[in-house]
Amino acid sequence: FTCVDSFDRIIMSAMMQEDFDLDAQTLGSYGTVLHNLTQARKNRRRDPRAIRLSAVTKAILDLVENDEDATHNGNAPSASQVYAKCISALEGTLSSPSKSLSSPNGIADSLATQNALLELLNTTLAHVQPAALLRATVPVTSRVLRAIVSSIQSVESDGDLAAAAGETKDELGGVNAVLRACCTASARFLKRLPHDTDHNQVQQLYLSTIVGLWDDRRPKVRRAAQSAAMELLNDPSCHVVFRKVTHKYFHTTMARAQRKANSQNQDDSSSSAATASATTLIHVLPLLEKCIMKLDFEVLSKDVMELLALLFQQDATSAAFDFVAMVKVNKNNS
């Protein structure tokens, strides 16, 4: 793996500035977690994903053990140290030699490694103490997680690479698995951030790695992104940014749907745009149903009623009726 020296320096600086008693208290429990990850259970020893996760975890631990700047005192690596190496290794997968990322085999291997690293990161984040350390590393961690989503979009624009990046038969995971793991990692990272974390940084990560996937064409990715959002919104100490951004998203989506429905009734050439808008609604309505009470209910319920009133005013023989039917089917199935 490629280690990013600047990120390690941030971690070390935070460790010197903050009280790490909490990290020491969790060291024992986290040591057990690491042991379980490196020693695949008997019923999972033939599971390719468990084998890859075990190998990646051992490699990360070797990096920590060989870090000359780290202080071990005979203890197992701390969650903070593993967190730092996970982020550095993930960035390394994004900046690997171009030839390894320009071939189907290279892409498949890179995605499998990213998936394992994200699983290790997801397990580790809950144990990192203090939370101020996570706040200090927001710029780097956010950049890496956002780059993973962005790189996948680039891969999918190439037909040959996109085919290799799909779900793999060996269950190591392709694009679908990496995006789901990235959603989970982002949510767990954001959930741990103190409230005084820069709002713009929080919003940027939330939008790019969670909100941006609510309307993904893959059902599993959509569900993972929406579940990640609900995990944040259900938190009693939910950061104000999450509710603000989520409310704005649905308010804007409803307004756009109203405009599309109106224009479709006047111009048949806009039917494709209206269909796309209806598809977006079908994808995100299940999330709205779950979270509307946590947002500005008065505004959003008004948006929903205005949209429904507009849709049912359309002529049933017009192309707009398809829009109405699609939305009704989704409501009936929910």
C-alpha atoms as a PDB file:
ATOM      1  CA  PHE A   1       0.000   0.000   0.000  1.00  0.00           C
ATOM      2  CA  THR A   2       1.030   3.614  -0.542  1.00  0.00           C
ATOM      3  CA  CYS A   3       1.163   5.618   2.687  1.00  0.00           C
ATOM      4  CA  VAL A   4       0.455   9.323   2.604  1.00  0.00           C
ATOM      5  CA  ASP A   5       3.000  11.025   4.852  1.00  0.00           C
ATOM      6  CA  SER A   6       0.945  14.203   5.207  1.00  0.00           C
ATOM      7  CA  PHE A   7      -2.032  12.258   6.544  1.00  0.00           C
ATOM      8  CA  ASP A   8       0.139  10.390   9.039  1.00  0.00           C
ATOM      9  CA  ARG A   9       1.536  13.714  10.244  1.00  0.00           C
ATOM     10  CA  ILE A  10      -1.993  15.012  10.819  1.00  0.00           C
ATOM     11  CA  ILE A  11      -2.795  11.950  12.906  1.00  0.00           C
ATOM     12  CA  MET A  12       0.420  12.234  14.925  1.00  0.00           C
ATOM     13  CA  SER A  13      -0.173  15.948  15.497  1.00  0.00           C
ATOM     14  CA  ALA A  14      -3.702  15.300  16.734  1.00  0.00           C
ATOM     15  CA  MET A  15      -2.423  12.556  18.999  1.00  0.00           C
ATOM     16  CA  MET A  16       0.017  14.984  20.610  1.00  0.00           C
ATOM     17  CA  GLN A  17      -2.612  17.692  21.066  1.00  0.00           C
ATOM     18  CA  GLU A  18      -5.503  15.577  22.366  1.00  0.00           C
ATOM     19  CA  ASP A  19      -5.958  13.341  25.377  1.00  0.00           C
ATOM     20  CA  PHE A  20      -5.850   9.748  24.162  1.00  0.00           C
ATOM     21  CA  ASP A  21      -7.023   8.050  27.351  1.00  0.00           C
ATOM     22  CA  LEU A  22     -10.258   7.074  25.610  1.00  0.00           C
ATOM     23  CA  ASP A  23      -8.339   5.414  22.808  1.00  0.00           C
ATOM     24  CA  ALA A  24      -6.361   3.439  25.380  1.00  0.00           C
ATOM     25  CA  GLN A  25      -9.592   2.345  27.062  1.00  0.00           C
ATOM     26  CA  THR A  26     -10.932   0.915  23.807  1.00  0.00           C
ATOM     27  CA  LEU A  27      -7.647  -0.730  22.865  1.00  0.00           C
ATOM     28  CA  GLY A  28      -8.558  -4.060  24.440  1.00  0.00           C
ATOM     29  CA  SER A  29     -11.908  -4.376  22.707  1.00  0.00           C
ATOM     30  CA  TYR A  30     -10.468  -3.206  19.402  1.00  0.00           C
ATOM     31  CA  GLY A  31      -7.644  -5.736  19.728  1.00  0.00           C
ATOM     32  CA  THR A  32     -10.313  -8.437  19.821  1.00  0.00           C
ATOM     33  CA  VAL A  33     -11.910  -6.967  16.716  1.00  0.00           C
ATOM     34  CA  LEU A  34      -8.597  -7.081  14.858  1.00  0.00           C
ATOM     35  CA  HIS A  35      -7.983 -10.661  15.959  1.00  0.00           C
ATOM     36  CA  ASN A  36     -11.366 -11.719  14.611  1.00  0.00           C
ATOM     37  CA  LEU A  37     -10.711  -9.970  11.304  1.00  0.00           C
ATOM     38  CA  THR A  38      -7.313 -11.564  10.781  1.00  0.00           C
ATOM     39  CA  GLN A  39      -8.488 -15.011  11.845  1.00  0.00           C
ATOM     40  CA  ALA A  40     -11.452 -15.847   9.637  1.00  0.00           C
ATOM     41  CA  ARG A  41     -14.001 -17.912  11.501  1.00  0.00           C
ATOM     42  CA  LYS A  42     -14.301 -21.575  10.546  1.00  0.00           C
ATOM     43  CA  ASN A  43     -17.584 -21.065   8.715  1.00  0.00           C
ATOM     44  CA  ARG A  44     -16.039 -18.261   6.623  1.00  0.00           C
ATOM     45  CA  ARG A  45     -12.624 -19.717   5.800  1.00  0.00           C
ATOM     46  CA  ARG A  46     -13.749 -20.458   2.273  1.00  0.00           C
ATOM     47  CA  ASP A  47     -15.427 -17.083   1.835  1.00  0.00           C
ATOM     48  CA  PRO A  48     -13.319 -15.086  -0.683  1.00  0.00           C
ATOM     49  CA  ARG A  49     -14.356 -11.788   0.891  1.00  0.00           C
ATOM     50  CA  ALA A  50     -13.374 -12.952   4.383  1.00  0.00           C
ATOM     51  CA  ILE A  51     -10.034 -14.166   3.043  1.00  0.00           C
ATOM     52  CA  ARG A  52      -9.376 -10.847   1.279  1.00  0.00           C
ATOM     53  CA  LEU A  53     -10.428  -8.864   4.363  1.00  0.00           C
ATOM     54  CA  SER A  54      -8.103 -10.946   6.537  1.00  0.00           C
ATOM     55  CA  ALA A  55      -5.175 -10.401   4.158  1.00  0.00           C
ATOM     56  CA  VAL A  56      -5.797  -6.651   3.913  1.00  0.00           C
ATOM     57  CA  THR A  57      -6.130  -6.322   7.691  1.00  0.00           C
ATOM     58  CA  LYS A  58      -2.821  -8.136   8.209  1.00  0.00           C
ATOM     59  CA  ALA A  59      -1.151  -5.867   5.650  1.00  0.00           C
ATOM     60  CA  ILE A  60      -2.453  -2.756   7.413  1.00  0.00           C
ATOM     61  CA  LEU A  61      -1.252  -4.062  10.774  1.00  0.00           C
ATOM     62  CA  ASP A  62       2.181  -4.702   9.278  1.00  0.00           C
ATOM     63  CA  LEU A  63       2.267  -1.075   8.112  1.00  0.00           C
ATOM     64  CA  VAL A  64       1.431   0.094  11.622  1.00  0.00           C
ATOM     65  CA  GLU A  65       4.029  -2.175  13.210  1.00  0.00           C
ATOM     66  CA  ASN A  66       6.719  -0.971  10.789  1.00  0.00           C
ATOM     67  CA  ASP A  67       5.910   2.709  11.314  1.00  0.00           C
ATOM     68  CA  GLU A  68       8.990   4.156  12.987  1.00  0.00           C
ATOM     69  CA  ASP A  69       7.056   7.202  14.242  1.00  0.00           C
ATOM     70  CA  ALA A  70       4.409   5.142  16.042  1.00  0.00           C
ATOM     71  CA  THR A  71       4.592   4.252  19.714  1.00  0.00           C
ATOM     72  CA  HIS A  72       3.484   0.685  20.399  1.00  0.00           C
ATOM     73  CA  ASN A  73       4.599  -0.046  23.984  1.00  0.00           C
ATOM     74  CA  GLY A  74       3.987  -3.709  23.305  1.00  0.00           C
ATOM     75  CA  ASN A  75       0.268  -3.100  22.731  1.00  0.00           C
ATOM     76  CA  ALA A  76      -1.813  -4.012  19.724  1.00  0.00           C
ATOM     77  CA  PRO A  77      -2.203  -1.220  17.155  1.00  0.00           C
ATOM     78  CA  SER A  78      -4.804   1.361  18.153  1.00  0.00           C
ATOM     79  CA  ALA A  79      -7.907   2.169  16.133  1.00  0.00           C
ATOM     80  CA  SER A  80      -6.447   5.610  15.395  1.00  0.00           C
ATOM     81  CA  GLN A  81      -3.347   4.093  13.812  1.00  0.00           C
ATOM     82  CA  VAL A  82      -5.342   1.607  11.744  1.00  0.00           C
ATOM     83  CA  TYR A  83      -7.710   4.387  10.651  1.00  0.00           C
ATOM     84  CA  ALA A  84      -4.769   6.462   9.407  1.00  0.00           C
ATOM     85  CA  LYS A  85      -3.301   3.559   7.433  1.00  0.00           C
ATOM     86  CA  CYS A  86      -6.696   2.621   5.957  1.00  0.00           C
ATOM     87  CA  ILE A  87      -7.194   6.095   4.530  1.00  0.00           C
ATOM     88  CA  SER A  88      -3.628   6.186   3.240  1.00  0.00           C
ATOM     89  CA  ALA A  89      -4.045   2.769   1.618  1.00  0.00           C
ATOM     90  CA  LEU A  90      -7.347   3.766   0.014  1.00  0.00           C
ATOM     91  CA  GLU A  91      -5.695   6.814  -1.469  1.00  0.00           C
ATOM     92  CA  GLY A  92      -2.958   4.518  -2.700  1.00  0.00           C
ATOM     93  CA  THR A  93      -5.487   2.428  -4.648  1.00  0.00           C
ATOM     94  CA  LEU A  94      -6.651   5.611  -6.371  1.00  0.00           C
ATOM     95  CA  SER A  95      -3.165   6.747  -7.336  1.00  0.00           C
ATOM     96  CA  SER A  96      -1.767   3.380  -8.460  1.00  0.00           C
ATOM     97  CA  PRO A  97       0.151   3.200 -11.771  1.00  0.00           C
ATOM     98  CA  SER A  98      -2.246   3.951 -14.603  1.00  0.00           C
ATOM     99  CA  LYS A  99      -1.759   0.601 -16.333  1.00  0.00           C
ATOM    100  CA  SER A 100      -3.182  -1.282 -13.347  1.00  0.00           C
ATOM    101  CA  LEU A 101      -6.295   0.862 -13.496  1.00  0.00           C
ATOM    102  CA  SER A 102      -6.709   0.731 -17.246  1.00  0.00           C
ATOM    103  CA  SER A 103      -7.191  -3.022 -17.608  1.00  0.00           C
ATOM    104  CA  PRO A 104     -10.167  -5.176 -16.556  1.00  0.00           C
ATOM    105  CA  ASN A 105      -8.032  -7.319 -14.231  1.00  0.00           C
ATOM    106  CA  GLY A 106      -6.436  -4.259 -12.662  1.00  0.00           C
ATOM    107  CA  ILE A 107      -9.807  -2.638 -12.033  1.00  0.00           C
ATOM    108  CA  ALA A 108     -11.290  -5.808 -10.525  1.00  0.00           C
ATOM    109  CA  ASP A 109      -8.338  -6.230  -8.153  1.00  0.00           C
ATOM    110  CA  SER A 110      -8.364  -2.559  -7.179  1.00  0.00           C
ATOM    111  CA  LEU A 111     -12.096  -2.656  -6.396  1.00  0.00           C
ATOM    112  CA  ALA A 112     -11.714  -5.839  -4.334  1.00  0.00           C
ATOM    113  CA  THR A 113      -8.954  -4.181  -2.297  1.00  0.00           C
ATOM    114  CA  GLN A 114     -10.981  -1.003  -1.851  1.00  0.00           C
ATOM    115  CA  ASN A 115     -13.953  -3.024  -0.671  1.00  0.00           C
ATOM    116  CA  ALA A 116     -11.859  -4.830   1.953  1.00  0.00           C
ATOM    117  CA  LEU A 117     -10.244  -1.574   3.110  1.00  0.00           C
ATOM    118  CA  LEU A 118     -13.649   0.076   3.444  1.00  0.00           C
ATOM    119  CA  GLU A 119     -14.942  -2.879   5.480  1.00  0.00           C
ATOM    120  CA  LEU A 120     -11.936  -2.539   7.797  1.00  0.00           C
ATOM    121  CA  LEU A 121     -12.495   1.228   7.997  1.00  0.00           C
ATOM    122  CA  ASN A 122     -16.185   0.720   8.840  1.00  0.00           C
ATOM    123  CA  THR A 123     -15.236  -1.600  11.679  1.00  0.00           C
ATOM    124  CA  THR A 124     -12.528   0.754  12.936  1.00  0.00           C
ATOM    125  CA  LEU A 125     -14.311   4.117  12.947  1.00  0.00           C
ATOM    126  CA  ALA A 126     -16.458   3.317  15.985  1.00  0.00           C
ATOM    127  CA  HIS A 127     -13.302   2.735  18.052  1.00  0.00           C
ATOM    128  CA  VAL A 128     -11.336   5.855  17.090  1.00  0.00           C
ATOM    129  CA  GLN A 129     -10.943   8.226  20.033  1.00  0.00           C
ATOM    130  CA  PRO A 130     -11.177  11.127  20.536  1.00  0.00           C
ATOM    131  CA  ALA A 131     -13.674  12.377  17.951  1.00  0.00           C
ATOM    132  CA  ALA A 132     -11.551  15.520  17.607  1.00  0.00           C
ATOM    133  CA  LEU A 133      -8.998  13.392  15.757  1.00  0.00           C
ATOM    134  CA  LEU A 134     -11.605  12.627  13.097  1.00  0.00           C
ATOM    135  CA  ARG A 135     -12.419  16.324  12.823  1.00  0.00           C
ATOM    136  CA  ALA A 136      -8.738  17.099  12.220  1.00  0.00           C
ATOM    137  CA  THR A 137      -8.639  14.640   9.331  1.00  0.00           C
ATOM    138  CA  VAL A 138     -11.904  15.629   7.605  1.00  0.00           C
ATOM    139  CA  PRO A 139     -10.227  17.243   4.549  1.00  0.00           C
ATOM    140  CA  VAL A 140      -8.164  14.140   3.718  1.00  0.00           C
ATOM    141  CA  THR A 141     -10.777  11.506   4.552  1.00  0.00           C
ATOM    142  CA  SER A 142     -13.483  13.414   2.699  1.00  0.00           C
ATOM    143  CA  ARG A 143     -11.280  13.785  -0.366  1.00  0.00           C
ATOM    144  CA  VAL A 144     -10.517  10.055  -0.436  1.00  0.00           C
ATOM    145  CA  LEU A 145     -14.124   8.884   0.003  1.00  0.00           C
ATOM    146  CA  ARG A 146     -15.377  11.351  -2.599  1.00  0.00           C
ATOM    147  CA  ALA A 147     -12.617  10.283  -4.980  1.00  0.00           C
ATOM    148  CA  ILE A 148     -13.729   6.644  -4.689  1.00  0.00           C
ATOM    149  CA  VAL A 149     -17.227   7.556  -5.890  1.00  0.00           C
ATOM    150  CA  SER A 150     -15.807   9.787  -8.617  1.00  0.00           C
ATOM    151  CA  SER A 151     -13.375   7.129  -9.840  1.00  0.00           C
ATOM    152  CA  ILE A 152     -16.195   4.596 -10.132  1.00  0.00           C
ATOM    153  CA  GLN A 153     -18.133   7.022 -12.317  1.00  0.00           C
ATOM    154  CA  SER A 154     -15.075   7.286 -14.577  1.00  0.00           C
ATOM    155  CA  VAL A 155     -14.733   3.514 -14.758  1.00  0.00           C
ATOM    156  CA  GLU A 156     -18.388   3.117 -15.708  1.00  0.00           C
ATOM    157  CA  SER A 157     -17.962   5.489 -18.641  1.00  0.00           C
ATOM    158  CA  ASP A 158     -15.602   2.932 -20.243  1.00  0.00           C
ATOM    159  CA  GLY A 159     -17.505  -0.060 -21.632  1.00  0.00           C
ATOM    160  CA  ASP A 160     -14.730  -2.651 -21.227  1.00  0.00           C
ATOM    161  CA  LEU A 161     -13.774  -1.543 -17.734  1.00  0.00           C
ATOM    162  CA  ALA A 162     -17.413  -1.236 -16.671  1.00  0.00           C
ATOM    163  CA  ALA A 163     -17.983  -4.899 -17.534  1.00  0.00           C
ATOM    164  CA  ALA A 164     -15.051  -5.935 -15.344  1.00  0.00           C
ATOM    165  CA  ALA A 165     -16.193  -3.672 -12.521  1.00  0.00           C
ATOM    166  CA  GLY A 166     -19.571  -5.367 -12.027  1.00  0.00           C
ATOM    167  CA  GLU A 167     -20.437  -7.771  -9.252  1.00  0.00           C
ATOM    168  CA  THR A 168     -17.883 -10.570  -9.311  1.00  0.00           C
ATOM    169  CA  LYS A 169     -18.556 -14.303  -9.208  1.00  0.00           C
ATOM    170  CA  ASP A 170     -15.885 -14.765  -6.530  1.00  0.00           C
ATOM    171  CA  GLU A 171     -17.932 -12.453  -4.272  1.00  0.00           C
ATOM    172  CA  LEU A 172     -14.988 -10.112  -3.686  1.00  0.00           C
ATOM    173  CA  GLY A 173     -17.267  -7.331  -4.849  1.00  0.00           C
ATOM    174  CA  GLY A 174     -17.246  -4.846  -7.689  1.00  0.00           C
ATOM    175  CA  VAL A 175     -18.588  -1.340  -8.129  1.00  0.00           C
ATOM    176  CA  ASN A 176     -21.861  -2.155  -6.396  1.00  0.00           C
ATOM    177  CA  ALA A 177     -20.164  -3.457  -3.242  1.00  0.00           C
ATOM    178  CA  VAL A 178     -17.629  -0.610  -3.111  1.00  0.00           C
ATOM    179  CA  LEU A 179     -20.317   2.058  -3.398  1.00  0.00           C
ATOM    180  CA  ARG A 180     -22.364   0.431  -0.622  1.00  0.00           C
ATOM    181  CA  ALA A 181     -19.313   0.195   1.628  1.00  0.00           C
ATOM    182  CA  CYS A 182     -18.426   3.803   0.837  1.00  0.00           C
ATOM    183  CA  CYS A 183     -21.914   4.959   1.855  1.00  0.00           C
ATOM    184  CA  THR A 184     -21.575   3.140   5.164  1.00  0.00           C
ATOM    185  CA  ALA A 185     -18.083   4.517   5.797  1.00  0.00           C
ATOM    186  CA  SER A 186     -19.196   8.073   5.073  1.00  0.00           C
ATOM    187  CA  ALA A 187     -22.188   7.782   7.399  1.00  0.00           C
ATOM    188  CA  ARG A 188     -20.140   6.347  10.255  1.00  0.00           C
ATOM    189  CA  PHE A 189     -17.435   8.970   9.778  1.00  0.00           C
ATOM    190  CA  LEU A 190     -19.953  11.838   9.633  1.00  0.00           C
ATOM    191  CA  LYS A 191     -21.826  10.501  12.656  1.00  0.00           C
ATOM    192  CA  ARG A 192     -18.676  10.649  14.769  1.00  0.00           C
ATOM    193  CA  LEU A 193     -17.766  14.239  13.866  1.00  0.00           C
ATOM    194  CA  PRO A 194     -18.167  16.919  16.574  1.00  0.00           C
ATOM    195  CA  HIS A 195     -20.832  19.566  15.932  1.00  0.00           C
ATOM    196  CA  ASP A 196     -18.223  22.293  15.576  1.00  0.00           C
ATOM    197  CA  THR A 197     -16.800  20.621  12.453  1.00  0.00           C
ATOM    198  CA  ASP A 198     -16.803  22.964   9.463  1.00  0.00           C
ATOM    199  CA  HIS A 199     -20.326  22.824   7.978  1.00  0.00           C
ATOM    200  CA  ASN A 200     -19.135  23.164   4.391  1.00  0.00           C
ATOM    201  CA  GLN A 201     -16.874  20.145   4.739  1.00  0.00           C
ATOM    202  CA  VAL A 202     -19.656  18.075   6.307  1.00  0.00           C
ATOM    203  CA  GLN A 203     -22.084  19.088   3.574  1.00  0.00           C
ATOM    204  CA  GLN A 204     -19.639  18.324   0.774  1.00  0.00           C
ATOM    205  CA  LEU A 205     -19.040  14.762   1.984  1.00  0.00           C
ATOM    206  CA  TYR A 206     -22.739  14.125   2.678  1.00  0.00           C
ATOM    207  CA  LEU A 207     -23.777  15.325  -0.773  1.00  0.00           C
ATOM    208  CA  SER A 208     -21.083  13.498  -2.729  1.00  0.00           C
ATOM    209  CA  THR A 209     -21.101  10.087  -1.075  1.00  0.00           C
ATOM    210  CA  ILE A 210     -24.662   9.693   0.236  1.00  0.00           C
ATOM    211  CA  VAL A 211     -27.202  12.124  -1.251  1.00  0.00           C
ATOM    212  CA  GLY A 212     -25.754  11.720  -4.741  1.00  0.00           C
ATOM    213  CA  LEU A 213     -26.506   7.977  -4.626  1.00  0.00           C
ATOM    214  CA  TRP A 214     -30.144   8.153  -3.492  1.00  0.00           C
ATOM    215  CA  ASP A 215     -31.208   7.996  -7.123  1.00  0.00           C
ATOM    216  CA  ASP A 216     -28.611   5.465  -8.284  1.00  0.00           C
ATOM    217  CA  ARG A 217     -29.879   3.022 -10.899  1.00  0.00           C
ATOM    218  CA  ARG A 218     -28.784   0.047  -8.733  1.00  0.00           C
ATOM    219  CA  PRO A 219     -31.376  -0.829  -6.065  1.00  0.00           C
ATOM    220  CA  LYS A 220     -28.777  -2.102  -3.569  1.00  0.00           C
ATOM    221  CA  VAL A 221     -26.740   1.097  -3.850  1.00  0.00           C
ATOM    222  CA  ARG A 222     -29.865   3.237  -3.469  1.00  0.00           C
ATOM    223  CA  ARG A 223     -30.900   1.334  -0.365  1.00  0.00           C
ATOM    224  CA  ALA A 224     -27.414   1.617   1.134  1.00  0.00           C
ATOM    225  CA  ALA A 225     -27.276   5.385   0.514  1.00  0.00           C
ATOM    226  CA  GLN A 226     -30.769   5.917   1.913  1.00  0.00           C
ATOM    227  CA  SER A 227     -30.045   3.724   4.935  1.00  0.00           C
ATOM    228  CA  ALA A 228     -26.882   5.757   5.554  1.00  0.00           C
ATOM    229  CA  ALA A 229     -28.950   8.954   5.509  1.00  0.00           C
ATOM    230  CA  MET A 230     -31.489   7.510   7.940  1.00  0.00           C
ATOM    231  CA  GLU A 231     -28.704   6.436  10.291  1.00  0.00           C
ATOM    232  CA  LEU A 232     -27.601  10.068  10.450  1.00  0.00           C
ATOM    233  CA  LEU A 233     -31.101  11.571  10.634  1.00  0.00           C
ATOM    234  CA  ASN A 234     -32.184   9.156  13.385  1.00  0.00           C
ATOM    235  CA  ASP A 235     -29.266  10.176  15.586  1.00  0.00           C
ATOM    236  CA  PRO A 236     -30.604  12.359  18.454  1.00  0.00           C
ATOM    237  CA  SER A 237     -27.507  14.525  18.138  1.00  0.00           C
ATOM    238  CA  CYS A 238     -27.878  14.745  14.356  1.00  0.00           C
ATOM    239  CA  HIS A 239     -25.754  17.488  12.780  1.00  0.00           C
ATOM    240  CA  VAL A 240     -27.959  20.339  11.532  1.00  0.00           C
ATOM    241  CA  VAL A 241     -26.397  20.044   8.062  1.00  0.00           C
ATOM    242  CA  PHE A 242     -27.987  16.637   7.397  1.00  0.00           C
ATOM    243  CA  ARG A 243     -31.563  17.823   7.951  1.00  0.00           C
ATOM    244  CA  LYS A 244     -30.952  21.051   6.059  1.00  0.00           C
ATOM    245  CA  VAL A 245     -29.473  19.346   2.993  1.00  0.00           C
ATOM    246  CA  THR A 246     -32.065  16.533   2.991  1.00  0.00           C
ATOM    247  CA  HIS A 247     -34.963  19.005   3.216  1.00  0.00           C
ATOM    248  CA  LYS A 248     -33.547  21.121   0.387  1.00  0.00           C
ATOM    249  CA  TYR A 249     -33.092  18.021  -1.790  1.00  0.00           C
ATOM    250  CA  PHE A 250     -36.727  16.926  -1.478  1.00  0.00           C
ATOM    251  CA  HIS A 251     -38.116  20.452  -1.777  1.00  0.00           C
ATOM    252  CA  THR A 252     -36.118  20.950  -4.994  1.00  0.00           C
ATOM    253  CA  THR A 253     -37.059  17.518  -6.351  1.00  0.00           C
ATOM    254  CA  MET A 254     -40.765  18.175  -5.836  1.00  0.00           C
ATOM    255  CA  ALA A 255     -40.522  21.596  -7.471  1.00  0.00           C
ATOM    256  CA  ARG A 256     -38.708  20.103 -10.456  1.00  0.00           C
ATOM    257  CA  ALA A 257     -41.339  17.380 -10.799  1.00  0.00           C
ATOM    258  CA  GLN A 258     -44.086  20.018 -10.839  1.00  0.00           C
ATOM    259  CA  ARG A 259     -42.334  21.940 -13.602  1.00  0.00           C
ATOM    260  CA  LYS A 260     -41.832  18.772 -15.660  1.00  0.00           C
ATOM    261  CA  ALA A 261     -45.451  17.731 -15.298  1.00  0.00           C
ATOM    262  CA  ASN A 262     -46.609  21.195 -16.352  1.00  0.00           C
ATOM    263  CA  SER A 263     -44.343  21.392 -19.367  1.00  0.00           C
ATOM    264  CA  GLN A 264     -45.183  17.844 -20.431  1.00  0.00           C
ATOM    265  CA  ASN A 265     -48.854  18.706 -20.768  1.00  0.00           C
ATOM    266  CA  GLN A 266     -47.942  21.576 -23.081  1.00  0.00           C
ATOM    267  CA  ASP A 267     -45.183  19.923 -25.096  1.00  0.00           C
ATOM    268  CA  ASP A 268     -45.060  16.202 -25.892  1.00  0.00           C
ATOM    269  CA  SER A 269     -41.320  16.498 -26.638  1.00  0.00           C
ATOM    270  CA  SER A 270     -40.706  16.869 -22.899  1.00  0.00           C
ATOM    271  CA  SER A 271     -42.111  13.415 -22.101  1.00  0.00           C
ATOM    272  CA  SER A 272     -38.662  11.862 -21.689  1.00  0.00           C
ATOM    273  CA  ALA A 273     -37.666  14.530 -19.164  1.00  0.00           C
ATOM    274  CA  ALA A 274     -40.900  13.983 -17.241  1.00  0.00           C
ATOM    275  CA  THR A 275     -40.313  10.237 -17.244  1.00  0.00           C
ATOM    276  CA  ALA A 276     -36.832  10.783 -15.822  1.00  0.00           C
ATOM    277  CA  SER A 277     -38.319  13.030 -13.149  1.00  0.00           C
ATOM    278  CA  ALA A 278     -40.916  10.373 -12.311  1.00  0.00           C
ATOM    279  CA  THR A 279     -38.177   7.752 -12.046  1.00  0.00           C
ATOM    280  CA  THR A 280     -36.290   9.939  -9.594  1.00  0.00           C
ATOM    281  CA  LEU A 281     -39.440  10.289  -7.489  1.00  0.00           C
ATOM    282  CA  ILE A 282     -39.959   6.530  -7.479  1.00  0.00           C
ATOM    283  CA  HIS A 283     -36.393   6.047  -6.284  1.00  0.00           C
ATOM    284  CA  VAL A 284     -36.474   8.610  -3.478  1.00  0.00           C
ATOM    285  CA  LEU A 285     -40.092   8.504  -2.248  1.00  0.00           C
ATOM    286  CA  PRO A 286     -39.375   5.559   0.116  1.00  0.00           C
ATOM    287  CA  LEU A 287     -36.745   7.688   1.861  1.00  0.00           C
ATOM    288  CA  LEU A 288     -39.052  10.707   2.064  1.00  0.00           C
ATOM    289  CA  GLU A 289     -41.736   8.536   3.644  1.00  0.00           C
ATOM    290  CA  LYS A 290     -39.273   7.512   6.378  1.00  0.00           C
ATOM    291  CA  CYS A 291     -37.722  10.880   7.112  1.00  0.00           C
ATOM    292  CA  ILE A 292     -40.379  13.526   6.402  1.00  0.00           C
ATOM    293  CA  MET A 293     -41.275  13.836  10.104  1.00  0.00           C
ATOM    294  CA  LYS A 294     -37.640  14.680  10.857  1.00  0.00           C
ATOM    295  CA  LEU A 295     -37.639  17.518   8.327  1.00  0.00           C
ATOM    296  CA  ASP A 296     -39.915  20.531   7.782  1.00  0.00           C
ATOM    297  CA  PHE A 297     -43.128  18.523   7.542  1.00  0.00           C
ATOM    298  CA  GLU A 298     -45.360  21.518   6.782  1.00  0.00           C
ATOM    299  CA  VAL A 299     -43.355  22.591   3.739  1.00  0.00           C
ATOM    300  CA  LEU A 300     -42.732  19.129   2.304  1.00  0.00           C
ATOM    301  CA  SER A 301     -46.289  17.885   2.829  1.00  0.00           C
ATOM    302  CA  LYS A 302     -47.489  20.978   0.973  1.00  0.00           C
ATOM    303  CA  ASP A 303     -45.053  20.169  -1.857  1.00  0.00           C
ATOM    304  CA  VAL A 304     -46.393  16.619  -2.078  1.00  0.00           C
ATOM    305  CA  MET A 305     -50.056  17.702  -2.105  1.00  0.00           C
ATOM    306  CA  GLU A 306     -49.444  20.355  -4.770  1.00  0.00           C
ATOM    307  CA  LEU A 307     -47.657  17.842  -6.970  1.00  0.00           C
ATOM    308  CA  LEU A 308     -50.391  15.243  -6.583  1.00  0.00           C
ATOM    309  CA  ALA A 309     -53.102  17.832  -7.316  1.00  0.00           C
ATOM    310  CA  LEU A 310     -51.259  18.891 -10.452  1.00  0.00           C
ATOM    311  CA  LEU A 311     -50.752  15.333 -11.651  1.00  0.00           C
ATOM    312  CA  PHE A 312     -54.352  14.267 -11.195  1.00  0.00           C
ATOM    313  CA  GLN A 313     -55.531  17.317 -13.130  1.00  0.00           C
ATOM    314  CA  GLN A 314     -53.736  16.050 -16.214  1.00  0.00           C
ATOM    315  CA  ASP A 315     -55.761  14.434 -18.977  1.00  0.00           C
ATOM    316  CA  ALA A 316     -55.664  10.653 -18.594  1.00  0.00           C
ATOM    317  CA  THR A 317     -55.185  10.316 -22.337  1.00  0.00           C
ATOM    318  CA  SER A 318     -52.096  12.523 -22.412  1.00  0.00           C
ATOM    319  CA  ALA A 319     -48.509  11.412 -22.082  1.00  0.00           C
ATOM    320  CA  ALA A 320     -48.551  12.973 -18.635  1.00  0.00           C
ATOM    321  CA  PHE A 321     -50.761  10.136 -17.441  1.00  0.00           C
ATOM    322  CA  ASP A 322     -47.722   7.859 -17.579  1.00  0.00           C
ATOM    323  CA  PHE A 323     -46.095  10.119 -15.012  1.00  0.00           C
ATOM    324  CA  VAL A 324     -49.138   9.883 -12.755  1.00  0.00           C
ATOM    325  CA  ALA A 325     -49.324   6.107 -13.140  1.00  0.00           C
ATOM    326  CA  MET A 326     -45.682   5.617 -12.247  1.00  0.00           C
ATOM    327  CA  VAL A 327     -46.023   7.619  -9.051  1.00  0.00           C
ATOM    328  CA  LYS A 328     -49.282   5.874  -8.091  1.00  0.00           C
ATOM    329  CA  VAL A 329     -47.747   2.446  -8.596  1.00  0.00           C
ATOM    330  CA  ASN A 330     -44.909   3.335  -6.294  1.00  0.00           C
ATOM    331  CA  LYS A 331     -47.262   4.647  -3.601  1.00  0.00           C
ATOM    332  CA  ASN A 332     -49.424   1.525  -3.833  1.00  0.00           C
ATOM    333  CA  ASN A 333     -46.404  -0.740  -3.439  1.00  0.00           C
ATOM    334  CA  SER A 334     -45.015   1.121  -0.421  1.00  0.00           C
END
